[in-house]
Protein backbone atom coordinates (compact mmCIF):
# COMPACT_ATOMS: atom_id res chain seq x y z
CA MET A 1 41.35 113.09 98.63
CA ALA A 2 38.84 115.36 100.28
CA VAL A 3 35.53 115.53 98.44
CA GLY A 4 35.01 118.94 96.88
CA LEU A 5 32.14 120.55 95.02
CA ALA A 6 32.74 121.75 91.48
CA ALA A 7 32.30 125.33 92.64
CA LEU A 8 34.90 126.76 90.28
CA LEU A 9 33.90 124.68 87.27
CA PRO A 10 30.11 124.89 87.40
CA GLY A 11 27.91 123.00 85.01
CA THR A 12 30.53 120.69 83.52
CA GLY A 13 28.33 117.63 84.04
CA GLN A 14 31.47 115.49 83.95
CA ALA A 15 33.06 113.28 86.54
CA GLY A 16 36.63 114.15 87.33
CA ILE A 17 39.06 115.10 90.04
CA GLU A 18 37.62 117.18 92.85
CA LEU A 19 40.07 119.05 95.08
CA VAL A 20 39.59 121.20 98.15
CA PHE A 21 41.98 124.12 98.60
CA GLY A 22 42.46 125.33 102.15
CA THR A 23 43.79 128.51 103.65
CA TYR A 24 43.12 130.71 106.66
CA ALA A 25 41.93 134.29 106.80
CA ALA A 26 45.04 136.41 107.39
CA ASP A 27 42.91 139.29 106.13
CA LYS A 28 39.11 139.68 105.84
CA PRO A 29 37.49 136.47 104.48
CA THR A 30 35.88 138.44 101.63
CA VAL A 31 39.33 139.67 100.61
CA THR A 32 40.65 136.11 100.78
CA VAL A 33 37.93 134.81 98.44
CA LYS A 34 38.51 137.64 95.96
CA GLN A 35 42.25 136.96 96.10
CA TYR A 36 42.15 133.21 95.47
CA GLN A 37 39.15 132.40 93.31
CA PRO A 38 40.49 133.61 89.93
CA PHE A 39 43.77 131.74 90.40
CA LEU A 40 42.03 128.53 91.50
CA SER A 41 39.84 128.68 88.38
CA PHE A 42 42.97 129.16 86.26
CA LEU A 43 44.74 126.30 88.06
CA SER A 44 41.82 123.89 87.65
CA GLY A 45 41.61 124.65 83.93
CA ARG A 46 45.30 124.12 83.28
CA MET A 47 45.39 120.97 85.42
CA SER A 48 42.43 119.61 83.45
CA ASP A 49 44.47 120.05 80.27
CA GLU A 50 47.51 118.36 81.83
CA LEU A 51 45.61 115.38 83.23
CA GLY A 52 43.11 114.93 80.43
CA GLU A 53 40.10 114.99 82.75
CA PRO A 54 38.12 117.71 84.47
CA VAL A 55 39.60 119.13 87.68
CA SER A 56 37.40 121.17 90.00
CA ILE A 57 38.56 123.08 93.06
CA ARG A 58 36.56 124.24 96.05
CA LEU A 59 37.88 126.95 98.38
CA LYS A 60 37.67 126.31 102.13
CA ILE A 61 38.70 129.14 104.46
CA ALA A 62 39.56 128.36 108.07
CA LYS A 63 38.68 131.00 110.63
CA GLU A 64 42.12 130.96 112.21
CA TYR A 65 45.60 129.56 111.67
CA GLY A 66 45.33 126.54 113.96
CA GLU A 67 42.18 125.29 112.26
CA GLY A 68 43.78 125.59 108.83
CA ILE A 69 46.83 123.65 109.99
CA ARG A 70 44.67 120.85 111.38
CA GLN A 71 42.60 120.64 108.19
CA LEU A 72 45.67 119.99 106.03
CA ALA A 73 47.31 117.66 108.54
CA ASP A 74 44.11 115.60 108.79
CA GLY A 75 43.44 115.55 105.04
CA GLU A 76 40.26 117.64 105.20
CA VAL A 77 41.76 119.74 102.40
CA ASP A 78 43.90 118.47 99.53
CA PHE A 79 46.28 121.39 99.17
CA ALA A 80 46.86 124.70 100.86
CA ARG A 81 48.78 127.95 100.89
CA PHE A 82 50.37 128.56 104.29
CA GLY A 83 52.69 131.01 105.92
CA PRO A 84 56.15 129.63 106.75
CA ALA A 85 55.47 129.12 110.47
CA SER A 86 52.25 127.27 109.69
CA TYR A 87 54.28 125.02 107.39
CA VAL A 88 56.66 124.20 110.24
CA HIS A 89 53.70 123.46 112.51
CA VAL A 90 51.88 121.25 110.00
CA MET A 91 55.06 119.27 109.32
CA MET A 92 55.30 118.53 113.04
CA GLU A 93 51.71 117.24 112.95
CA ASN A 94 52.09 115.30 109.70
CA PRO A 95 55.62 114.92 108.24
CA ALA A 96 54.18 113.43 105.04
CA ILE A 97 52.97 116.87 103.84
CA ARG A 98 54.76 117.84 100.61
CA ILE A 99 55.77 121.20 99.12
CA VAL A 100 54.23 121.74 95.69
CA ALA A 101 56.03 125.04 95.06
CA MET A 102 57.12 128.24 96.77
CA GLU A 103 56.09 131.73 95.75
CA SER A 104 58.74 133.83 94.06
CA LYS A 105 59.60 137.37 95.05
CA ASN A 106 61.66 138.96 92.28
CA GLY A 107 63.14 135.55 91.52
CA GLY A 108 64.00 134.82 95.15
CA LYS A 109 62.44 133.30 98.24
CA ARG A 110 62.51 136.24 100.68
CA PHE A 111 60.23 139.21 101.34
CA LYS A 112 59.64 141.68 104.17
CA GLY A 113 57.63 141.93 107.33
CA VAL A 114 57.31 145.33 108.96
CA ILE A 115 56.90 146.82 112.40
CA VAL A 116 54.65 149.85 112.14
CA VAL A 117 53.83 152.83 114.35
CA HIS A 118 51.37 155.70 113.97
CA LYS A 119 52.51 158.06 111.23
CA ASP A 120 52.80 160.90 113.77
CA SER A 121 54.86 158.83 116.22
CA SER A 122 58.18 160.30 117.31
CA LEU A 123 59.77 156.84 117.58
CA ARG A 124 62.74 156.18 115.33
CA SER A 125 64.05 152.79 116.50
CA VAL A 126 62.74 149.46 117.79
CA GLU A 127 64.77 149.92 120.98
CA GLU A 128 62.49 152.85 121.90
CA LEU A 129 59.51 150.49 122.20
CA ALA A 130 60.55 149.43 125.71
CA GLY A 131 57.77 150.28 128.15
CA LEU A 132 55.21 150.78 125.39
CA SER A 133 52.48 148.60 123.83
CA PHE A 134 52.68 146.18 120.91
CA ALA A 135 50.12 144.37 118.72
CA PHE A 136 50.99 140.99 117.26
CA GLY A 137 48.93 139.03 114.74
CA ASP A 138 47.91 135.42 115.22
CA GLU A 139 49.84 133.41 117.81
CA LEU A 140 50.93 131.07 114.99
CA SER A 141 51.80 133.84 112.51
CA THR A 142 55.27 133.93 110.97
CA ILE A 143 55.48 137.72 110.68
CA GLY A 144 52.79 138.60 113.18
CA ARG A 145 54.49 136.70 115.97
CA TYR A 146 57.68 134.67 115.52
CA LEU A 147 59.82 136.92 113.32
CA ALA A 148 58.56 140.07 115.06
CA GLN A 149 59.39 138.68 118.48
CA GLU A 150 62.82 137.57 117.28
CA HIS A 151 63.40 141.10 115.96
CA LEU A 152 62.34 142.64 119.28
CA LEU A 153 64.59 140.25 121.21
CA GLU A 154 67.54 141.25 119.00
CA ALA A 155 66.80 144.85 120.02
CA GLY A 156 66.90 143.83 123.69
CA ILE A 157 63.13 143.85 124.23
CA SER A 158 61.21 140.90 125.64
CA GLY A 159 57.55 140.65 126.58
CA ALA A 160 58.42 141.71 130.12
CA ASP A 161 59.89 144.96 128.75
CA LEU A 162 56.61 145.98 127.11
CA GLN A 163 53.84 147.71 129.01
CA VAL A 164 51.33 145.43 127.31
CA PHE A 165 51.07 143.26 124.20
CA ALA A 166 48.25 141.34 122.56
CA TYR A 167 47.51 138.97 119.68
CA LEU A 168 44.87 140.46 117.38
CA GLY A 169 44.69 137.76 114.71
CA ARG A 170 44.65 139.24 111.22
CA HIS A 171 47.33 141.53 109.82
CA ASP A 172 44.83 144.21 108.83
CA LEU A 173 43.48 144.37 112.40
CA VAL A 174 47.00 144.99 113.69
CA GLY A 175 47.61 147.88 111.31
CA GLU A 176 44.22 149.42 112.00
CA ALA A 177 44.72 149.16 115.78
CA VAL A 178 48.07 150.97 115.55
CA GLY A 179 46.55 153.60 113.27
CA ALA A 180 43.75 154.13 115.79
CA GLY A 181 46.26 154.66 118.60
CA LYS A 182 45.25 151.51 120.50
CA TYR A 183 48.82 150.19 120.40
CA THR A 184 52.13 151.98 119.96
CA ALA A 185 53.42 149.49 117.38
CA GLY A 186 52.53 146.27 115.61
CA ALA A 187 53.84 143.68 113.18
CA LEU A 188 52.27 142.88 109.81
CA LYS A 189 53.19 141.82 106.31
CA GLU A 190 54.44 144.49 103.93
CA SER A 191 51.65 144.00 101.39
CA THR A 192 48.94 144.59 104.02
CA PHE A 193 50.85 147.63 105.30
CA LYS A 194 50.86 149.14 101.81
CA LYS A 195 47.14 148.44 101.33
CA LEU A 196 46.27 150.08 104.65
CA VAL A 197 48.36 153.17 103.87
CA ALA A 198 46.63 153.43 100.49
CA LYS A 199 43.28 153.34 102.34
CA GLY A 200 44.40 156.21 104.55
CA VAL A 201 45.25 154.33 107.74
CA PRO A 202 47.79 156.61 109.47
CA ILE A 203 50.74 154.26 109.97
CA ARG A 204 54.38 154.19 108.88
CA ALA A 205 57.12 151.57 108.94
CA LEU A 206 59.52 151.69 111.88
CA ALA A 207 61.58 148.64 110.91
CA SER A 208 61.53 145.66 108.56
CA PHE A 209 62.86 142.11 108.63
CA ASP A 210 63.24 139.19 106.22
CA ASN A 211 60.67 136.46 105.80
CA VAL A 212 60.56 133.41 103.54
CA THR A 213 57.93 133.27 100.80
CA LYS A 214 54.86 131.11 101.25
CA PRO A 215 54.75 127.42 100.35
CA TRP A 216 51.86 125.72 98.57
CA LEU A 217 51.44 122.31 100.19
CA ALA A 218 49.85 118.98 99.24
CA ALA A 219 48.20 116.56 101.62
CA PRO A 220 49.89 113.14 101.88
CA ASP A 221 47.17 111.29 99.98
CA MET A 222 47.22 113.52 96.88
CA PRO A 223 48.20 111.21 94.00
CA ASP A 224 51.65 111.90 92.56
CA SER A 225 50.19 112.50 89.11
CA VAL A 226 47.92 115.25 90.44
CA LEU A 227 50.70 116.85 92.46
CA GLU A 228 53.07 116.84 89.48
CA ALA A 229 50.41 118.37 87.21
CA MET A 230 49.79 121.11 89.77
CA ARG A 231 53.51 121.77 90.14
CA LYS A 232 54.03 121.88 86.37
CA VAL A 233 51.27 124.46 85.92
CA MET A 234 52.54 126.61 88.79
CA LEU A 235 56.20 126.56 87.71
CA SER A 236 55.42 127.36 84.08
CA SER A 237 52.94 130.17 84.62
CA GLU A 238 55.06 133.09 85.84
CA ASN A 239 54.02 135.36 82.96
CA GLU A 240 50.29 134.91 83.41
CA GLU A 241 48.54 138.02 84.72
CA ILE A 242 46.15 135.94 86.80
CA VAL A 243 49.12 134.22 88.47
CA ARG A 244 50.77 137.53 89.30
CA ARG A 245 47.71 138.49 91.30
CA ILE A 246 48.38 135.62 93.71
CA SER A 247 52.19 135.50 93.46
CA LYS A 248 53.60 138.54 91.70
CA ASN A 249 56.66 136.76 90.34
CA GLY A 250 55.32 133.25 89.89
CA PHE A 251 56.62 130.15 91.63
CA LEU A 252 59.86 128.31 92.40
CA LEU A 253 60.76 124.79 93.48
CA GLY A 254 60.91 124.61 97.27
CA ALA A 255 62.57 122.42 99.88
CA ASP A 256 62.09 121.87 103.58
CA ALA A 257 65.49 123.46 104.32
CA ASP A 258 64.22 126.79 102.93
CA TYR A 259 62.31 127.17 106.20
CA ASP A 260 65.18 126.63 108.63
CA ILE A 261 65.34 130.37 109.41
CA ILE A 262 61.70 130.17 110.48
CA ARG A 263 62.41 127.24 112.77
CA ARG A 264 65.19 129.31 114.33
CA ALA A 265 62.87 132.27 114.89
CA MET A 266 60.23 130.04 116.44
CA GLU A 267 62.78 128.62 118.85
CA ARG A 268 64.13 132.05 119.76
CA SER A 269 60.65 133.45 120.32
CA LEU A 270 60.26 131.07 123.26
CA ALA A 271 62.46 133.51 125.19
CA PHE A 272 60.07 136.39 124.50
């Protein structure tokens, strides 16, 4: 396993299991740290109880999606939370990656991505975006690229039908760019959309589409006993407030086939 520092269990003075958790900054890195650190502390504590020895977890944030995928595939991190498209990519790089659990959304495995426009825009349908500009997220983003492009293609719009389009990276940057009038429309996750609206960014939803909830993944060399302890804690903790901050409705068992709709979108987006 990757060697981690006991950053979330300081001062224990005990040897134990050190894990490195990896993710990438879909939003500002400071937001990512604030989002994950309480849950990782909770997880390390409960896993320590399950395994009978101290478990410490260090957070490692990749600057972009591709770097995060490589880190898990190469074993630089022990477990990670990825978007669905990143899961498909990492499985192509290392098929021995395993799903620990999937996040639950009201007891299911689907949630929404949105296409947004400026709140004062006169547009009422995706079809009206022909000839206009569009902001995508990262080039490896599930919502920010693949599902959004599939949705545009279903509306009869390809890249050639847009005046211009660009990949801006993070979801928050997409929403802010649309709110500032730099692009006519953009694709981002629903939770980021709601946060930006609450902050006063002048955007509104034009359309929405289904996405699959995020998987939590284990590197191939994570011992089975550690993986099973992690899974047990995650599947039994749906009522914990600290868990709801990271996954509002807890976790579910996941399988590779849950991500077949993402594979389809990725294939279809090649025509964009």
